[in-house]
Amino acid sequence: MSIPGLEGAIHVFFALLSLLSASALLALLFTNSKDKKTITYLAIATAIFVWLSWFTVIPVYTVEYGADKAVIKAHPETAAAHNFGMETKEHIFYTGLFLATLLPIFALSIDITSPNGRRLLMWTVIILILGGLVMESLGGWIATAARIAWYLEAGGGLL
């Protein structure tokens, strides 16, 4: 027996862990830390959490989201959540996946004491964090739209 919705929760859990590790990495970079070992570990952890988030969303998106997508798109009140929200989320996610993959490569190969190397790492992390926050917001919008659409589907909009 499985707990309904747990698949989505695991995906979000890893996404939030990636945001936490990226935030810790940004704090180290912002304070001019010279601890290359910790910076590298946090960069690797961020990449691993982003990839785990991606792998754990596969069953949700390929199996479960189809029903929600059909219901969301069937109602004009909620259609934008998929048409704009999910489509935008997919593009941001692939960009973030690419940047998260590059993050440990950058951390291992650049000189963190040089201003340009530190700037490259900082901007990569900032873009990842901003993208993650936008994706969490869009995910909340889509989840709420699904609830509203199912409510409307069940006759909740009829008086």
N, C-alpha and C. Protein backbone atom coordinates (compact mmCIF):
# COMPACT_ATOMS: atom_id res chain seq x y z
N MET A 1 0.84 -1.18 0.00
CA MET A 1 0.00 0.00 0.00
C MET A 1 0.89 1.24 0.00
N SER A 2 0.54 2.19 -0.84
CA SER A 2 1.31 3.42 -0.86
C SER A 2 0.45 4.58 -0.37
N ILE A 3 1.10 5.61 0.07
CA ILE A 3 0.40 6.79 0.55
C ILE A 3 0.18 7.72 -0.64
N PRO A 4 -1.07 8.06 -0.95
CA PRO A 4 -1.33 8.93 -2.10
C PRO A 4 -0.63 10.28 -1.94
N GLY A 5 0.02 10.71 -2.99
CA GLY A 5 0.70 12.00 -2.97
C GLY A 5 2.12 11.96 -2.47
N LEU A 6 2.55 10.81 -1.92
CA LEU A 6 3.90 10.73 -1.38
C LEU A 6 4.95 10.91 -2.47
N GLU A 7 4.64 10.47 -3.69
CA GLU A 7 5.60 10.61 -4.79
C GLU A 7 5.93 12.08 -5.03
N GLY A 8 4.90 12.90 -5.04
CA GLY A 8 5.10 14.34 -5.25
C GLY A 8 5.84 14.97 -4.08
N ALA A 9 5.55 14.49 -2.88
CA ALA A 9 6.21 15.03 -1.70
C ALA A 9 7.70 14.73 -1.71
N ILE A 10 8.09 13.57 -2.18
CA ILE A 10 9.51 13.22 -2.25
C ILE A 10 10.23 14.13 -3.24
N HIS A 11 9.58 14.39 -4.36
CA HIS A 11 10.14 15.28 -5.36
C HIS A 11 10.37 16.68 -4.78
N VAL A 12 9.38 17.19 -4.08
CA VAL A 12 9.48 18.52 -3.49
C VAL A 12 10.53 18.52 -2.37
N PHE A 13 10.60 17.44 -1.61
CA PHE A 13 11.59 17.32 -0.54
C PHE A 13 13.00 17.49 -1.09
N PHE A 14 13.32 16.78 -2.17
CA PHE A 14 14.65 16.90 -2.76
C PHE A 14 14.88 18.29 -3.35
N ALA A 15 13.83 18.88 -3.92
CA ALA A 15 13.95 20.23 -4.46
C ALA A 15 14.27 21.22 -3.35
N LEU A 16 13.60 21.08 -2.22
CA LEU A 16 13.87 21.98 -1.09
C LEU A 16 15.25 21.75 -0.50
N LEU A 17 15.69 20.50 -0.45
CA LEU A 17 17.06 20.23 0.01
C LEU A 17 18.09 20.88 -0.91
N SER A 18 17.82 20.86 -2.22
CA SER A 18 18.75 21.50 -3.15
C SER A 18 18.78 23.01 -2.92
N LEU A 19 17.63 23.60 -2.62
CA LEU A 19 17.60 25.04 -2.31
C LEU A 19 18.35 25.34 -1.02
N LEU A 20 18.22 24.48 -0.03
CA LEU A 20 18.94 24.69 1.23
C LEU A 20 20.45 24.57 1.03
N SER A 21 20.89 23.56 0.31
CA SER A 21 22.34 23.40 0.11
C SER A 21 22.88 24.52 -0.77
N ALA A 22 22.10 24.97 -1.76
CA ALA A 22 22.53 26.09 -2.60
C ALA A 22 22.60 27.38 -1.77
N SER A 23 21.67 27.55 -0.84
CA SER A 23 21.69 28.74 0.02
C SER A 23 22.91 28.74 0.94
N ALA A 24 23.25 27.58 1.48
CA ALA A 24 24.45 27.47 2.32
C ALA A 24 25.69 27.75 1.49
N LEU A 25 25.72 27.26 0.26
CA LEU A 25 26.85 27.51 -0.64
C LEU A 25 26.96 29.00 -0.94
N LEU A 26 25.84 29.64 -1.21
CA LEU A 26 25.85 31.07 -1.48
C LEU A 26 26.35 31.86 -0.28
N ALA A 27 25.95 31.45 0.92
CA ALA A 27 26.42 32.12 2.13
C ALA A 27 27.94 32.01 2.27
N LEU A 28 28.49 30.84 1.99
CA LEU A 28 29.95 30.67 2.05
C LEU A 28 30.64 31.54 1.01
N LEU A 29 30.10 31.57 -0.18
CA LEU A 29 30.70 32.38 -1.24
C LEU A 29 30.59 33.87 -0.94
N PHE A 30 29.46 34.28 -0.39
CA PHE A 30 29.23 35.69 -0.08
C PHE A 30 30.16 36.18 1.02
N THR A 31 30.49 35.31 1.97
CA THR A 31 31.37 35.71 3.08
C THR A 31 32.85 35.53 2.75
N ASN A 32 33.14 35.27 1.48
CA ASN A 32 34.52 35.09 1.01
C ASN A 32 35.24 33.93 1.69
N SER A 33 34.52 32.88 1.99
CA SER A 33 35.14 31.71 2.60
C SER A 33 36.16 31.11 1.63
N LYS A 34 37.26 30.66 2.18
CA LYS A 34 38.30 30.01 1.38
C LYS A 34 38.26 28.49 1.53
N ASP A 35 37.20 27.99 2.17
CA ASP A 35 37.06 26.56 2.44
C ASP A 35 36.59 25.83 1.17
N LYS A 36 37.54 25.53 0.30
CA LYS A 36 37.21 24.90 -0.99
C LYS A 36 36.55 23.54 -0.80
N LYS A 37 36.94 22.82 0.22
CA LYS A 37 36.37 21.48 0.45
C LYS A 37 34.86 21.58 0.74
N THR A 38 34.46 22.46 1.63
CA THR A 38 33.04 22.61 1.95
C THR A 38 32.27 23.17 0.77
N ILE A 39 32.86 24.12 0.06
CA ILE A 39 32.22 24.68 -1.13
C ILE A 39 31.98 23.59 -2.16
N THR A 40 32.97 22.74 -2.36
CA THR A 40 32.84 21.65 -3.32
C THR A 40 31.78 20.65 -2.87
N TYR A 41 31.78 20.29 -1.58
CA TYR A 41 30.77 19.36 -1.07
C TYR A 41 29.36 19.91 -1.23
N LEU A 42 29.17 21.19 -0.95
CA LEU A 42 27.85 21.79 -1.10
C LEU A 42 27.43 21.86 -2.58
N ALA A 43 28.39 22.11 -3.45
CA ALA A 43 28.08 22.13 -4.89
C ALA A 43 27.66 20.73 -5.36
N ILE A 44 28.37 19.72 -4.90
CA ILE A 44 28.03 18.34 -5.25
C ILE A 44 26.67 17.96 -4.65
N ALA A 45 26.42 18.33 -3.40
CA ALA A 45 25.14 18.02 -2.75
C ALA A 45 23.99 18.69 -3.50
N THR A 46 24.18 19.94 -3.90
CA THR A 46 23.14 20.64 -4.65
C THR A 46 22.82 19.91 -5.94
N ALA A 47 23.86 19.51 -6.67
CA ALA A 47 23.65 18.79 -7.93
C ALA A 47 22.94 17.46 -7.69
N ILE A 48 23.34 16.73 -6.67
CA ILE A 48 22.72 15.44 -6.37
C ILE A 48 21.25 15.63 -6.01
N PHE A 49 20.94 16.63 -5.19
CA PHE A 49 19.54 16.86 -4.80
C PHE A 49 18.68 17.28 -5.99
N VAL A 50 19.23 18.09 -6.89
CA VAL A 50 18.48 18.48 -8.09
C VAL A 50 18.20 17.25 -8.95
N TRP A 51 19.21 16.40 -9.14
CA TRP A 51 19.01 15.19 -9.94
C TRP A 51 18.02 14.24 -9.26
N LEU A 52 18.10 14.10 -7.93
CA LEU A 52 17.14 13.25 -7.23
C LEU A 52 15.72 13.80 -7.36
N SER A 53 15.60 15.12 -7.33
CA SER A 53 14.28 15.73 -7.54
C SER A 53 13.77 15.40 -8.93
N TRP A 54 14.65 15.43 -9.91
CA TRP A 54 14.25 15.13 -11.29
C TRP A 54 13.83 13.66 -11.43
N PHE A 55 14.62 12.77 -10.86
CA PHE A 55 14.28 11.34 -10.98
C PHE A 55 13.00 10.98 -10.23
N THR A 56 12.76 11.62 -9.08
CA THR A 56 11.57 11.26 -8.31
C THR A 56 10.30 11.88 -8.87
N VAL A 57 10.41 12.85 -9.77
CA VAL A 57 9.20 13.44 -10.37
C VAL A 57 8.76 12.65 -11.61
N ILE A 58 9.60 11.80 -12.13
CA ILE A 58 9.26 11.06 -13.35
C ILE A 58 7.94 10.29 -13.21
N PRO A 59 7.75 9.47 -12.16
CA PRO A 59 6.46 8.77 -12.07
C PRO A 59 5.27 9.71 -11.88
N VAL A 60 5.48 10.82 -11.20
CA VAL A 60 4.40 11.78 -10.99
C VAL A 60 3.99 12.39 -12.32
N TYR A 61 4.95 12.84 -13.07
CA TYR A 61 4.64 13.54 -14.32
C TYR A 61 4.16 12.60 -15.42
N THR A 62 4.74 11.40 -15.49
CA THR A 62 4.38 10.49 -16.58
C THR A 62 3.13 9.67 -16.29
N VAL A 63 2.82 9.42 -15.03
CA VAL A 63 1.68 8.56 -14.71
C VAL A 63 0.51 9.36 -14.11
N GLU A 64 0.79 10.19 -13.13
CA GLU A 64 -0.29 10.81 -12.37
C GLU A 64 -0.74 12.16 -12.92
N TYR A 65 0.14 12.95 -13.47
CA TYR A 65 -0.22 14.30 -13.87
C TYR A 65 -1.17 14.33 -15.07
N GLY A 66 -1.21 13.29 -15.85
CA GLY A 66 -2.09 13.26 -17.02
C GLY A 66 -3.55 13.53 -16.68
N ALA A 67 -4.04 12.93 -15.62
CA ALA A 67 -5.44 13.15 -15.21
C ALA A 67 -5.63 14.58 -14.72
N ASP A 68 -4.71 15.06 -13.91
CA ASP A 68 -4.80 16.45 -13.43
C ASP A 68 -4.71 17.43 -14.59
N LYS A 69 -3.81 17.15 -15.52
CA LYS A 69 -3.63 18.04 -16.67
C LYS A 69 -4.92 18.16 -17.48
N ALA A 70 -5.58 17.04 -17.72
CA ALA A 70 -6.83 17.06 -18.50
C ALA A 70 -7.91 17.88 -17.79
N VAL A 71 -8.02 17.72 -16.50
CA VAL A 71 -9.03 18.45 -15.74
C VAL A 71 -8.67 19.92 -15.63
N ILE A 72 -7.40 20.22 -15.40
CA ILE A 72 -6.96 21.62 -15.32
C ILE A 72 -7.24 22.34 -16.63
N LYS A 73 -6.90 21.71 -17.75
CA LYS A 73 -7.09 22.34 -19.06
C LYS A 73 -8.56 22.43 -19.47
N ALA A 74 -9.42 21.61 -18.86
CA ALA A 74 -10.84 21.59 -19.22
C ALA A 74 -11.60 22.80 -18.66
N HIS A 75 -11.02 23.49 -17.72
CA HIS A 75 -11.71 24.62 -17.09
C HIS A 75 -10.94 25.92 -17.36
N PRO A 76 -11.61 26.91 -17.90
CA PRO A 76 -10.92 28.17 -18.21
C PRO A 76 -10.33 28.84 -16.97
N GLU A 77 -10.94 28.58 -15.81
CA GLU A 77 -10.44 29.19 -14.56
C GLU A 77 -9.07 28.66 -14.18
N THR A 78 -8.74 27.47 -14.62
CA THR A 78 -7.49 26.84 -14.19
C THR A 78 -6.54 26.52 -15.34
N ALA A 79 -6.96 26.72 -16.56
CA ALA A 79 -6.15 26.32 -17.72
C ALA A 79 -4.78 27.00 -17.76
N ALA A 80 -4.70 28.24 -17.31
CA ALA A 80 -3.42 28.96 -17.35
C ALA A 80 -2.37 28.30 -16.47
N ALA A 81 -2.82 27.60 -15.43
CA ALA A 81 -1.86 26.93 -14.54
C ALA A 81 -1.04 25.90 -15.31
N HIS A 82 -1.69 25.22 -16.26
CA HIS A 82 -0.91 24.29 -17.08
C HIS A 82 -0.28 25.01 -18.27
N ASN A 83 -1.08 25.76 -19.00
CA ASN A 83 -0.60 26.37 -20.24
C ASN A 83 0.59 27.29 -20.02
N PHE A 84 0.58 28.03 -18.95
CA PHE A 84 1.72 28.90 -18.65
C PHE A 84 2.60 28.31 -17.56
N GLY A 85 1.97 27.91 -16.43
CA GLY A 85 2.73 27.45 -15.26
C GLY A 85 3.59 26.23 -15.51
N MET A 86 2.98 25.16 -16.02
CA MET A 86 3.74 23.92 -16.22
C MET A 86 4.75 24.07 -17.35
N GLU A 87 4.36 24.74 -18.41
CA GLU A 87 5.29 24.91 -19.53
C GLU A 87 6.51 25.73 -19.10
N THR A 88 6.28 26.78 -18.34
CA THR A 88 7.39 27.60 -17.83
C THR A 88 8.24 26.78 -16.87
N LYS A 89 7.59 26.04 -16.00
CA LYS A 89 8.30 25.22 -15.02
C LYS A 89 9.22 24.21 -15.70
N GLU A 90 8.76 23.59 -16.77
CA GLU A 90 9.60 22.62 -17.47
C GLU A 90 10.86 23.27 -18.03
N HIS A 91 10.73 24.45 -18.60
CA HIS A 91 11.91 25.12 -19.16
C HIS A 91 12.89 25.55 -18.08
N ILE A 92 12.35 26.08 -16.99
CA ILE A 92 13.23 26.49 -15.89
C ILE A 92 13.92 25.26 -15.30
N PHE A 93 13.19 24.15 -15.20
CA PHE A 93 13.76 22.96 -14.59
C PHE A 93 14.94 22.42 -15.39
N TYR A 94 14.80 22.38 -16.70
CA TYR A 94 15.91 21.86 -17.51
C TYR A 94 17.12 22.79 -17.46
N THR A 95 16.88 24.08 -17.39
CA THR A 95 17.99 25.03 -17.23
C THR A 95 18.67 24.81 -15.88
N GLY A 96 17.86 24.63 -14.84
CA GLY A 96 18.41 24.38 -13.51
C GLY A 96 19.15 23.06 -13.43
N LEU A 97 18.64 22.05 -14.10
CA LEU A 97 19.31 20.75 -14.13
C LEU A 97 20.69 20.88 -14.77
N PHE A 98 20.76 21.63 -15.86
CA PHE A 98 22.02 21.86 -16.55
C PHE A 98 22.99 22.65 -15.66
N LEU A 99 22.51 23.72 -15.04
CA LEU A 99 23.37 24.53 -14.16
C LEU A 99 23.81 23.76 -12.93
N ALA A 100 22.90 22.96 -12.36
CA ALA A 100 23.26 22.16 -11.18
C ALA A 100 24.32 21.13 -11.53
N THR A 101 24.28 20.61 -12.74
CA THR A 101 25.28 19.65 -13.18
C THR A 101 26.64 20.34 -13.35
N LEU A 102 26.61 21.58 -13.82
CA LEU A 102 27.86 22.33 -14.00
C LEU A 102 28.44 22.83 -12.68
N LEU A 103 27.60 23.02 -11.68
CA LEU A 103 28.04 23.61 -10.42
C LEU A 103 29.23 22.87 -9.78
N PRO A 104 29.19 21.54 -9.60
CA PRO A 104 30.36 20.88 -9.02
C PRO A 104 31.58 20.94 -9.94
N ILE A 105 31.35 20.95 -11.24
CA ILE A 105 32.47 21.06 -12.18
C ILE A 105 33.15 22.41 -11.99
N PHE A 106 32.35 23.46 -11.88
CA PHE A 106 32.91 24.79 -11.61
C PHE A 106 33.65 24.81 -10.28
N ALA A 107 33.02 24.25 -9.24
CA ALA A 107 33.61 24.28 -7.90
C ALA A 107 34.95 23.54 -7.85
N LEU A 108 35.06 22.46 -8.63
CA LEU A 108 36.30 21.69 -8.63
C LEU A 108 37.38 22.30 -9.52
N SER A 109 36.97 23.06 -10.52
CA SER A 109 37.96 23.50 -11.50
C SER A 109 38.36 24.96 -11.43
N ILE A 110 37.63 25.77 -10.69
CA ILE A 110 38.01 27.19 -10.64
C ILE A 110 38.78 27.51 -9.36
N ASP A 111 39.43 28.63 -9.40
CA ASP A 111 40.13 29.13 -8.22
C ASP A 111 39.15 29.99 -7.44
N ILE A 112 38.72 29.53 -6.26
CA ILE A 112 37.72 30.27 -5.51
C ILE A 112 38.27 31.54 -4.89
N THR A 113 39.58 31.71 -4.92
CA THR A 113 40.15 32.95 -4.39
C THR A 113 40.16 34.05 -5.44
N SER A 114 39.99 33.69 -6.71
CA SER A 114 39.96 34.73 -7.75
C SER A 114 38.56 35.34 -7.82
N PRO A 115 38.49 36.64 -8.03
CA PRO A 115 37.17 37.30 -8.11
C PRO A 115 36.30 36.74 -9.23
N ASN A 116 36.88 36.43 -10.37
CA ASN A 116 36.09 35.91 -11.49
C ASN A 116 35.55 34.52 -11.21
N GLY A 117 36.35 33.66 -10.61
CA GLY A 117 35.90 32.32 -10.27
C GLY A 117 34.80 32.35 -9.24
N ARG A 118 34.98 33.17 -8.22
CA ARG A 118 33.95 33.31 -7.18
C ARG A 118 32.66 33.88 -7.78
N ARG A 119 32.79 34.85 -8.67
CA ARG A 119 31.63 35.47 -9.32
C ARG A 119 30.87 34.43 -10.16
N LEU A 120 31.60 33.59 -10.89
CA LEU A 120 30.96 32.55 -11.69
C LEU A 120 30.14 31.60 -10.81
N LEU A 121 30.75 31.17 -9.70
CA LEU A 121 30.03 30.28 -8.77
C LEU A 121 28.82 30.98 -8.15
N MET A 122 29.02 32.22 -7.71
CA MET A 122 27.93 32.94 -7.06
C MET A 122 26.75 33.13 -8.00
N TRP A 123 27.00 33.54 -9.25
CA TRP A 123 25.90 33.77 -10.18
C TRP A 123 25.21 32.47 -10.58
N THR A 124 25.96 31.40 -10.67
CA THR A 124 25.35 30.10 -10.95
C THR A 124 24.41 29.71 -9.82
N VAL A 125 24.86 29.89 -8.59
CA VAL A 125 24.03 29.54 -7.43
C VAL A 125 22.83 30.48 -7.32
N ILE A 126 23.02 31.77 -7.56
CA ILE A 126 21.91 32.72 -7.48
C ILE A 126 20.84 32.36 -8.51
N ILE A 127 21.25 32.05 -9.73
CA ILE A 127 20.28 31.66 -10.77
C ILE A 127 19.55 30.38 -10.37
N LEU A 128 20.29 29.43 -9.79
CA LEU A 128 19.64 28.18 -9.33
C LEU A 128 18.62 28.46 -8.24
N ILE A 129 18.96 29.30 -7.28
CA ILE A 129 18.03 29.61 -6.18
C ILE A 129 16.80 30.35 -6.70
N LEU A 130 17.02 31.36 -7.53
CA LEU A 130 15.88 32.10 -8.08
C LEU A 130 14.98 31.18 -8.91
N GLY A 131 15.58 30.34 -9.74
CA GLY A 131 14.81 29.38 -10.53
C GLY A 131 14.04 28.42 -9.64
N GLY A 132 14.68 27.96 -8.57
CA GLY A 132 14.02 27.05 -7.63
C GLY A 132 12.83 27.70 -6.94
N LEU A 133 12.96 28.97 -6.56
CA LEU A 133 11.85 29.67 -5.92
C LEU A 133 10.69 29.88 -6.89
N VAL A 134 11.02 30.21 -8.13
CA VAL A 134 9.97 30.37 -9.15
C VAL A 134 9.28 29.03 -9.38
N MET A 135 10.07 27.96 -9.45
CA MET A 135 9.48 26.63 -9.68
C MET A 135 8.60 26.19 -8.52
N GLU A 136 9.01 26.47 -7.29
CA GLU A 136 8.17 26.13 -6.14
C GLU A 136 6.86 26.90 -6.19
N SER A 137 6.92 28.16 -6.57
CA SER A 137 5.70 28.98 -6.70
C SER A 137 4.79 28.43 -7.79
N LEU A 138 5.37 28.12 -8.94
CA LEU A 138 4.57 27.56 -10.03
C LEU A 138 3.98 26.21 -9.65
N GLY A 139 4.75 25.39 -8.94
CA GLY A 139 4.24 24.10 -8.48
C GLY A 139 3.05 24.26 -7.54
N GLY A 140 3.13 25.24 -6.66
CA GLY A 140 2.01 25.53 -5.77
C GLY A 140 0.78 25.98 -6.54
N TRP A 141 0.99 26.80 -7.57
CA TRP A 141 -0.12 27.26 -8.41
C TRP A 141 -0.77 26.09 -9.12
N ILE A 142 0.06 25.20 -9.68
CA ILE A 142 -0.47 24.04 -10.41
C ILE A 142 -1.23 23.11 -9.47
N ALA A 143 -0.68 22.87 -8.28
CA ALA A 143 -1.36 21.99 -7.31
C ALA A 143 -2.70 22.59 -6.88
N THR A 144 -2.72 23.89 -6.66
CA THR A 144 -3.96 24.56 -6.29
C THR A 144 -4.96 24.52 -7.43
N ALA A 145 -4.48 24.76 -8.66
CA ALA A 145 -5.35 24.71 -9.83
C ALA A 145 -5.95 23.31 -10.00
N ALA A 146 -5.16 22.27 -9.71
CA ALA A 146 -5.68 20.90 -9.81
C ALA A 146 -6.81 20.69 -8.80
N ARG A 147 -6.63 21.18 -7.59
CA ARG A 147 -7.69 21.03 -6.58
C ARG A 147 -8.95 21.77 -7.01
N ILE A 148 -8.78 22.99 -7.50
CA ILE A 148 -9.93 23.77 -7.95
C ILE A 148 -10.61 23.08 -9.13
N ALA A 149 -9.82 22.60 -10.07
CA ALA A 149 -10.39 21.95 -11.26
C ALA A 149 -11.16 20.69 -10.88
N TRP A 150 -10.62 19.89 -9.96
CA TRP A 150 -11.35 18.70 -9.53
C TRP A 150 -12.62 19.09 -8.79
N TYR A 151 -12.57 20.16 -8.05
CA TYR A 151 -13.77 20.67 -7.37
C TYR A 151 -14.83 21.07 -8.40
N LEU A 152 -14.39 21.80 -9.42
CA LEU A 152 -15.31 22.21 -10.49
C LEU A 152 -15.84 20.99 -11.24
N GLU A 153 -14.99 20.01 -11.45
CA GLU A 153 -15.37 18.78 -12.16
C GLU A 153 -16.45 18.02 -11.39
N ALA A 154 -16.38 18.10 -10.08
CA ALA A 154 -17.33 17.38 -9.23
C ALA A 154 -18.63 18.16 -9.04
N GLY A 155 -18.75 19.28 -9.74
CA GLY A 155 -19.98 20.06 -9.63
C GLY A 155 -19.91 21.16 -8.60
N GLY A 156 -18.73 21.43 -8.11
CA GLY A 156 -18.57 22.48 -7.09
C GLY A 156 -18.88 23.86 -7.59
N GLY A 157 -18.86 24.05 -8.89
CA GLY A 157 -19.14 25.37 -9.43
C GLY A 157 -20.62 25.60 -9.70
N LEU A 158 -21.45 24.59 -9.48
CA LEU A 158 -22.88 24.71 -9.74
C LEU A 158 -23.62 25.12 -8.47
N LEU A 159 -24.57 25.98 -8.62
CA LEU A 159 -25.38 26.39 -7.45
C LEU A 159 -26.76 25.81 -7.53
